Amino acid sequence: LGCVLVGGSVSEVEIAPAFGGRLLESLLPFVSSETEYAGRLSGFDVGGSDLRLLVTDFAPYGLTIFVGVPLLRRLQRRPRAWLSGGALLVALAPWISLPGDYYEMGSTIVTGVLWWAGGDWSTLRSDDLFALVGGITGEPAAYGFDGIIGTATGAAVIVASICAAVSLAALTYAAGSAIALEPTTLELDESSDSKS
């Protein structure tokens, strides 16, 4: 939805069978249940726009900001066991996705800045950090890891991308905390209601 809203197009979404992939595959022509990922947008076109890519990656985490973190904060005051697991999963989704979507966002920002500065490290963009590291290990020169300077620079780009990913995840969670009603405010409102 995020991709389409910013003018991109979607041709395939992979959803594992355990998460309803087979059912959705029978209902929606662009869903495929053949995947090693829980869910992944695999067929999409953002027209080469970094901004569209960032919006596409970030869109699902609106649920963290507007649902997960506020619900988790509310459950601190009034625990409901049946809601806690789901709220925790949605609230912590950015941290769970650090080597996935958030690394891709961080690497898009870092390599985008480097591109403006005259360097092309776009080969280090990925929505799977572990697969990227595996690729670099197997064929380092294809990723710019040739010689001491290339290897040091490539490693620095990956570290900077990870730092950017962590910062973005923290900002996402902080945004959810900022819009969540504070338990103390809720308690004051409820106590004044009960007295009246």
Protein backbone atom coordinates (compact mmCIF):
# COMPACT_ATOMS: atom_id res chain seq x y z
CA LEU A 1 0.00 0.00 0.00
CA GLY A 2 2.85 2.38 0.83
CA CYS A 3 4.51 1.66 -2.51
CA VAL A 4 1.30 2.23 -4.47
CA LEU A 5 0.44 5.42 -2.56
CA VAL A 6 3.72 7.06 -3.63
CA GLY A 7 3.37 6.07 -7.29
CA GLY A 8 5.15 2.72 -7.31
CA SER A 9 3.72 -0.57 -8.51
CA VAL A 10 3.50 -4.00 -6.88
CA SER A 11 3.55 -7.29 -8.77
CA GLU A 12 4.38 -9.82 -6.02
CA VAL A 13 4.10 -10.13 -2.25
CA GLU A 14 5.51 -13.27 -0.64
CA ILE A 15 3.71 -14.54 2.47
CA ALA A 16 4.67 -17.81 4.15
CA PRO A 17 1.96 -20.48 4.44
CA ALA A 18 2.10 -20.24 8.25
CA PHE A 19 0.91 -16.63 7.97
CA GLY A 20 -1.97 -17.31 5.59
CA GLY A 21 0.04 -17.29 2.37
CA ARG A 22 -1.82 -20.18 0.74
CA LEU A 23 -5.23 -18.68 1.48
CA LEU A 24 -4.21 -15.20 0.30
CA GLU A 25 -2.57 -16.72 -2.79
CA SER A 26 -5.92 -18.21 -3.78
CA LEU A 27 -7.65 -14.83 -3.32
CA LEU A 28 -5.10 -12.32 -4.61
CA PRO A 29 -3.16 -12.80 -7.87
CA PHE A 30 -0.04 -10.96 -6.64
CA VAL A 31 0.48 -13.08 -3.49
CA SER A 32 2.91 -16.00 -3.54
CA SER A 33 3.31 -18.48 -0.68
CA GLU A 34 6.64 -19.79 -2.03
CA THR A 35 9.04 -17.98 0.32
CA GLU A 36 11.58 -18.47 3.06
CA TYR A 37 10.43 -15.19 4.68
CA ALA A 38 7.36 -14.63 6.87
CA GLY A 39 6.39 -11.83 4.50
CA ARG A 40 8.26 -9.93 1.85
CA LEU A 41 7.46 -7.45 -0.90
CA SER A 42 9.52 -9.05 -3.67
CA GLY A 43 8.03 -7.73 -6.90
CA PHE A 44 7.75 -3.97 -6.91
CA ASP A 45 8.94 -0.94 -8.86
CA VAL A 46 9.63 2.45 -7.30
CA GLY A 47 10.96 3.93 -10.52
CA GLY A 48 14.47 4.30 -9.11
CA SER A 49 13.30 6.73 -6.41
CA ASP A 50 14.99 6.44 -3.02
CA LEU A 51 12.13 8.35 -1.42
CA ARG A 52 9.56 5.88 -2.79
CA LEU A 53 11.70 2.99 -1.57
CA LEU A 54 11.92 4.51 1.92
CA VAL A 55 8.14 5.03 2.06
CA THR A 56 7.56 1.47 0.80
CA ASP A 57 9.86 0.04 3.49
CA PHE A 58 8.52 2.25 6.27
CA ALA A 59 4.76 2.05 5.60
CA PRO A 60 4.08 -1.17 7.57
CA TYR A 61 5.68 0.32 10.66
CA GLY A 62 2.92 2.90 10.87
CA LEU A 63 1.23 0.07 12.81
CA THR A 64 4.05 0.27 15.37
CA ILE A 65 3.52 4.00 15.81
CA PHE A 66 -0.28 4.14 15.81
CA VAL A 67 -1.23 0.72 17.23
CA GLY A 68 1.62 -1.32 18.75
CA VAL A 69 3.36 1.14 21.05
CA PRO A 70 0.19 2.96 22.22
CA LEU A 71 -1.50 -0.38 22.96
CA LEU A 72 1.58 -1.68 24.77
CA ARG A 73 1.71 1.49 26.87
CA ARG A 74 -1.97 1.11 27.73
CA LEU A 75 -1.42 -2.53 28.70
CA GLN A 76 1.21 -1.40 31.22
CA ARG A 77 -1.63 0.15 33.18
CA ARG A 78 -4.33 -2.44 32.52
CA PRO A 79 -2.78 -5.80 31.61
CA ARG A 80 -4.72 -8.02 29.24
CA ALA A 81 -2.81 -11.23 28.61
CA TRP A 82 -4.60 -12.00 25.34
CA LEU A 83 -3.52 -8.65 23.85
CA SER A 84 0.01 -8.48 25.24
CA GLY A 85 1.73 -10.83 22.78
CA GLY A 86 0.32 -9.13 19.69
CA ALA A 87 0.96 -5.65 21.05
CA LEU A 88 4.54 -6.57 21.92
CA LEU A 89 5.17 -8.04 18.46
CA VAL A 90 3.79 -4.97 16.65
CA ALA A 91 5.52 -2.52 19.02
CA LEU A 92 8.90 -4.22 18.66
CA ALA A 93 8.60 -4.85 14.90
CA PRO A 94 11.27 -2.22 14.04
CA TRP A 95 13.79 -3.95 16.31
CA ILE A 96 12.89 -7.36 14.91
CA SER A 97 13.33 -5.94 11.40
CA LEU A 98 16.76 -4.38 11.97
CA PRO A 99 18.53 -6.80 9.58
CA GLY A 100 15.65 -6.52 7.08
CA ASP A 101 13.57 -3.45 6.26
CA TYR A 102 15.40 -1.16 8.66
CA TYR A 103 18.81 -2.13 7.30
CA GLU A 104 17.45 -1.44 3.81
CA MET A 105 16.23 2.00 4.92
CA GLY A 106 19.54 2.77 6.64
CA SER A 107 21.59 1.57 3.68
CA THR A 108 19.39 3.54 1.27
CA ILE A 109 20.06 6.73 3.21
CA VAL A 110 23.79 6.09 3.67
CA THR A 111 24.47 5.00 0.08
CA GLY A 112 22.25 7.84 -1.19
CA VAL A 113 24.39 10.40 0.65
CA LEU A 114 27.54 8.73 -0.67
CA TRP A 115 26.12 8.79 -4.21
CA TRP A 116 25.60 12.56 -3.92
CA ALA A 117 29.21 12.79 -2.71
CA GLY A 118 30.39 10.90 -5.80
CA GLY A 119 30.63 7.28 -4.62
CA ASP A 120 28.42 4.37 -5.69
CA TRP A 121 27.92 1.80 -2.94
CA SER A 122 24.40 0.81 -3.99
CA THR A 123 25.47 -2.86 -4.04
CA LEU A 124 25.36 -2.71 -0.23
CA ARG A 125 21.62 -2.00 -0.18
CA SER A 126 19.64 -5.02 0.88
CA ASP A 127 16.51 -6.07 2.72
CA ASP A 128 18.44 -9.02 4.19
CA LEU A 129 21.69 -8.10 5.93
CA PHE A 130 22.62 -11.74 6.53
CA ALA A 131 22.23 -12.62 2.84
CA LEU A 132 24.26 -9.52 1.94
CA VAL A 133 27.12 -10.53 4.25
CA GLY A 134 26.97 -14.05 2.78
CA GLY A 135 27.23 -12.60 -0.73
CA ILE A 136 30.17 -10.40 0.25
CA THR A 137 31.94 -13.39 1.82
CA GLY A 138 31.46 -15.42 -1.38
CA GLU A 139 32.35 -12.72 -3.91
CA PRO A 140 33.77 -9.61 -2.19
CA ALA A 141 34.89 -7.79 -5.35
CA ALA A 142 31.33 -7.75 -6.71
CA TYR A 143 30.35 -5.58 -3.74
CA GLY A 144 33.32 -3.22 -3.94
CA PHE A 145 35.40 -5.06 -1.33
CA ASP A 146 38.62 -5.09 -3.32
CA GLY A 147 41.89 -4.12 -1.72
CA ILE A 148 42.41 -2.62 1.71
CA ILE A 149 40.71 0.70 0.96
CA GLY A 150 37.70 -0.88 -0.75
CA THR A 151 37.25 -3.39 2.07
CA ALA A 152 37.59 -0.73 4.79
CA THR A 153 35.20 1.62 2.98
CA GLY A 154 32.64 -1.13 2.34
CA ALA A 155 32.78 -2.23 5.97
CA ALA A 156 32.33 1.39 7.08
CA VAL A 157 29.29 1.76 4.79
CA ILE A 158 27.71 -1.36 6.32
CA VAL A 159 28.43 -0.18 9.88
CA ALA A 160 27.03 3.29 9.09
CA SER A 161 23.94 1.65 7.56
CA ILE A 162 23.43 -0.47 10.69
CA CYS A 163 23.78 2.64 12.86
CA ALA A 164 21.22 4.44 10.68
CA ALA A 165 18.90 1.42 10.94
CA VAL A 166 19.13 1.40 14.75
CA SER A 167 18.48 5.16 14.84
CA LEU A 168 15.42 4.79 12.58
CA ALA A 169 14.05 1.93 14.71
CA ALA A 170 14.52 4.03 17.86
CA LEU A 171 12.80 7.01 16.22
CA THR A 172 9.88 4.81 15.13
CA TYR A 173 9.38 3.50 18.67
CA ALA A 174 9.79 7.02 20.10
CA ALA A 175 7.13 8.33 17.70
CA GLY A 176 4.73 5.67 18.99
CA SER A 177 5.56 6.62 22.56
CA ALA A 178 5.00 10.29 21.78
CA ILE A 179 1.47 9.75 20.54
CA ALA A 180 0.54 7.19 23.22
CA LEU A 181 -1.50 8.56 26.07
CA GLU A 182 0.58 8.63 29.22
CA PRO A 183 -0.70 6.23 31.91
CA THR A 184 -0.51 9.01 34.51
CA THR A 185 -2.74 11.23 32.37
CA LEU A 186 -5.25 8.42 31.91
CA GLU A 187 -5.26 7.65 35.63
CA LEU A 188 -5.91 11.31 36.46
CA ASP A 189 -8.78 11.47 33.98
CA GLU A 190 -10.36 8.27 35.30
CA SER A 191 -9.96 9.24 38.96
CA SER A 192 -11.65 12.60 38.31
CA ASP A 193 -14.47 10.76 36.46
CA SER A 194 -15.00 8.35 39.35
CA LYS A 195 -15.17 11.20 41.89
CA SER A 196 -17.84 13.02 39.91
